[in-house]
Protein backbone atom coordinates (compact mmCIF):
# COMPACT_ATOMS: atom_id res chain seq x y z
CA UNK A 1 0.27 0.07 0.20
CA UNK A 2 1.23 2.89 -1.23
CA UNK A 3 2.11 5.98 1.66
CA UNK A 4 -0.45 8.53 0.82
CA UNK A 5 0.72 12.32 0.90
CA UNK A 6 -0.75 14.65 3.54
CA UNK A 7 -0.61 18.51 3.65
CA UNK A 8 -1.61 20.27 6.54
CA UNK A 9 -1.57 23.45 7.68
CA UNK A 10 -0.54 24.57 11.34
CA UNK A 11 -1.06 27.49 13.26
CA UNK A 12 1.62 30.10 13.56
CA UNK A 13 2.59 28.52 16.96
CA UNK A 14 2.92 25.05 15.86
CA UNK A 15 4.85 26.25 12.55
CA UNK A 16 7.22 28.28 15.28
CA UNK A 17 7.81 25.11 17.61
CA UNK A 18 8.45 23.04 14.36
CA UNK A 19 11.10 25.83 12.60
CA UNK A 20 12.32 25.62 15.29
CA UNK A 21 13.51 22.33 16.96
CA UNK A 22 14.87 22.86 13.00
CA UNK A 23 17.33 25.75 12.85
CA UNK A 24 18.24 24.82 16.81
CA UNK A 25 19.42 21.36 15.33
CA UNK A 26 17.24 19.47 17.12
CA UNK A 27 15.63 17.54 14.85
CA UNK A 28 16.95 17.69 10.66
CA UNK A 29 13.72 17.92 9.03
CA UNK A 30 9.97 19.93 10.27
CA UNK A 31 8.40 16.08 8.49
CA UNK A 32 11.25 14.93 10.80
CA UNK A 33 9.81 17.10 13.76
CA UNK A 34 5.73 16.23 12.76
CA UNK A 35 7.18 12.46 12.77
CA UNK A 36 8.49 12.26 15.90
CA UNK A 37 5.93 14.40 17.26
CA UNK A 38 2.55 11.73 15.95
CA UNK A 39 4.31 8.41 17.48
CA UNK A 40 5.13 9.76 20.74
CA UNK A 41 0.90 11.79 19.99
CA UNK A 42 0.62 7.86 19.28
CA UNK A 43 2.14 6.70 21.67
CA UNK A 44 0.54 7.71 24.85
CA UNK A 45 -2.84 7.91 23.37
CA UNK A 46 -1.85 3.91 23.65
CA UNK A 47 -1.33 4.05 26.80
CA UNK A 48 -4.02 6.23 27.88
CA UNK A 49 -6.59 3.81 25.84
CA UNK A 50 -4.73 0.56 27.74
CA UNK A 51 -4.34 2.37 31.25
CA UNK A 52 -9.01 2.18 30.73
CA UNK A 53 -9.31 -0.89 29.10
CA UNK A 54 -7.26 -1.99 32.97
CA UNK A 55 -9.45 0.23 34.75
CA UNK A 56 -12.47 -0.96 32.88
CA UNK A 57 -11.65 -4.38 33.63
CA UNK A 58 -10.67 -4.30 37.02
CA UNK A 59 -13.93 -2.57 37.70
CA UNK A 60 -16.24 -5.33 36.11
CA UNK A 61 -14.52 -7.81 37.40
CA UNK A 62 -14.67 -6.35 40.80
CA UNK A 63 -18.46 -6.18 41.31
CA UNK A 64 -17.97 -3.93 44.48
CA UNK A 65 -18.08 -0.40 41.81
CA UNK A 66 -21.24 1.68 40.97
CA UNK A 67 -21.34 4.86 39.45
CA UNK A 68 -24.07 6.40 38.40
CA UNK A 69 -23.78 7.20 34.26
CA UNK A 70 -25.95 9.88 34.37
CA UNK A 71 -23.82 11.96 37.27
CA UNK A 72 -20.64 11.31 35.77
CA UNK A 73 -21.91 12.21 32.27
CA UNK A 74 -22.26 15.42 34.02
CA UNK A 75 -19.43 15.48 35.98
CA UNK A 76 -17.16 15.12 32.49
CA UNK A 77 -19.84 18.25 30.73
CA UNK A 78 -18.72 20.32 33.10
CA UNK A 79 -15.17 19.42 33.48
CA UNK A 80 -14.45 20.15 29.59
CA UNK A 81 -16.91 23.13 29.48
CA UNK A 82 -19.49 21.51 27.97
CA UNK A 83 -23.62 22.52 28.04
CA UNK A 84 -25.39 20.55 31.00
CA UNK A 85 -28.39 18.83 29.15
CA UNK A 86 -31.27 18.70 28.45
CA UNK A 87 -33.40 16.81 30.96
CA UNK A 88 -36.85 15.68 29.86
CA UNK A 89 -40.28 17.36 30.73
């Protein structure tokens, strides 16, 4: 399978970070900066998902944890600045 070529737009701040990393000699090319960032992102994401799966499986296995789903989502909405859920009347 051929590797697709992508064109992306970065914010000014992100573009500056990429350019600075190359100009400082930390990376040979802009592509190398972006590739390493994506590899680190994927690794962090994989670790986070593994942690969540493990926690979920432990909670299910323990059968002692109860969760109020509405309360959980209300807390997540508040944490992330989302509007409260609509309550059916």
